[in-house]
Amino acid sequence: MTGEAREAGSMGEAVFEPTGDERVDAAVARLAELPGTPLPQHVEIFEDVHLRLQDTLGSADQEDSGPPVPGPRP
């Protein structure tokens, strides 16, 4: 279930498994701020996560290191 959220606890908080990339993990960790945050502020969090993930993807072509990206699952 790498990189996927699963519900945990009575409040239905999402638990994210580490992806192996610190930048992706840090971006996705921001989603944990959503519970208890006023709905209008969710947009700011989602935009930040999206920007961080875009930056990580954009830099992936320039880097020659890091863990291999898994292929699609059947």
Protein backbone atom coordinates (compact mmCIF):
# COMPACT_ATOMS: atom_id res chain seq x y z
CA MET A 1 0.00 0.00 0.00
CA THR A 2 3.00 2.28 -0.43
CA GLY A 3 2.06 5.90 -1.01
CA GLU A 4 -1.61 5.25 -0.35
CA ALA A 5 -3.73 6.43 2.52
CA ARG A 6 -5.63 4.12 4.77
CA GLU A 7 -8.04 5.05 7.51
CA ALA A 8 -6.99 4.58 11.10
CA GLY A 9 -8.52 5.43 14.42
CA SER A 10 -12.03 6.40 15.32
CA MET A 11 -11.80 9.83 13.66
CA GLY A 12 -10.87 8.35 10.28
CA GLU A 13 -7.48 10.06 10.12
CA ALA A 14 -5.47 9.09 7.07
CA VAL A 15 -2.20 7.27 7.70
CA PHE A 16 0.36 7.52 4.90
CA GLU A 17 3.07 4.97 4.44
CA PRO A 18 6.54 6.28 3.57
CA THR A 19 7.31 6.43 -0.14
CA GLY A 20 11.09 6.26 0.20
CA ASP A 21 11.50 9.83 -1.05
CA GLU A 22 11.86 12.36 1.77
CA ARG A 23 10.51 15.22 -0.37
CA VAL A 24 7.34 13.32 -1.25
CA ASP A 25 6.88 12.16 2.34
CA ALA A 26 7.24 15.74 3.63
CA ALA A 27 4.69 17.01 1.11
CA VAL A 28 2.17 14.27 1.86
CA ALA A 29 2.66 14.79 5.61
CA ARG A 30 1.02 18.19 5.25
CA LEU A 31 -2.26 16.38 4.55
CA ALA A 32 -2.31 15.37 8.22
CA GLU A 33 -3.03 19.03 8.99
CA LEU A 34 -6.46 18.82 7.31
CA PRO A 35 -8.48 17.37 10.22
CA GLY A 36 -9.37 20.21 12.53
CA THR A 37 -8.37 22.87 10.01
CA PRO A 38 -11.17 25.16 8.81
CA LEU A 39 -12.39 24.17 5.36
CA PRO A 40 -11.30 27.43 3.64
CA GLN A 41 -7.69 26.70 4.69
CA HIS A 42 -7.76 23.28 3.03
CA VAL A 43 -7.17 24.93 -0.36
CA GLU A 44 -3.88 26.40 0.85
CA ILE A 45 -2.70 23.01 2.13
CA PHE A 46 -3.70 21.19 -1.07
CA GLU A 47 -1.99 23.83 -3.22
CA ASP A 48 1.21 23.55 -1.17
CA VAL A 49 1.22 19.75 -1.41
CA HIS A 50 0.55 19.94 -5.16
CA LEU A 51 3.36 22.47 -5.70
CA ARG A 52 5.84 20.38 -3.69
CA LEU A 53 4.97 17.23 -5.63
CA GLN A 54 5.25 19.08 -8.96
CA ASP A 55 8.68 20.41 -7.96
CA THR A 56 9.78 16.92 -6.98
CA LEU A 57 8.60 15.48 -10.30
CA GLY A 58 10.25 18.32 -12.22
CA SER A 59 13.57 17.69 -10.55
CA ALA A 60 13.37 13.92 -11.04
CA ASP A 61 14.64 14.21 -14.61
CA GLN A 62 17.64 16.20 -13.43
CA GLU A 63 18.64 13.71 -10.75
CA ASP A 64 20.24 10.38 -11.34
CA SER A 65 19.84 9.05 -7.82
CA GLY A 66 17.08 7.86 -5.56
CA PRO A 67 15.04 4.73 -5.28
CA PRO A 68 13.64 3.13 -8.42
CA VAL A 69 10.08 4.03 -9.26
CA PRO A 70 7.82 0.98 -9.07
CA GLY A 71 5.90 0.05 -12.18
CA PRO A 72 2.13 -0.19 -12.40
CA ARG A 73 0.48 -2.90 -10.39
CA PRO A 74 -1.64 -5.47 -12.15
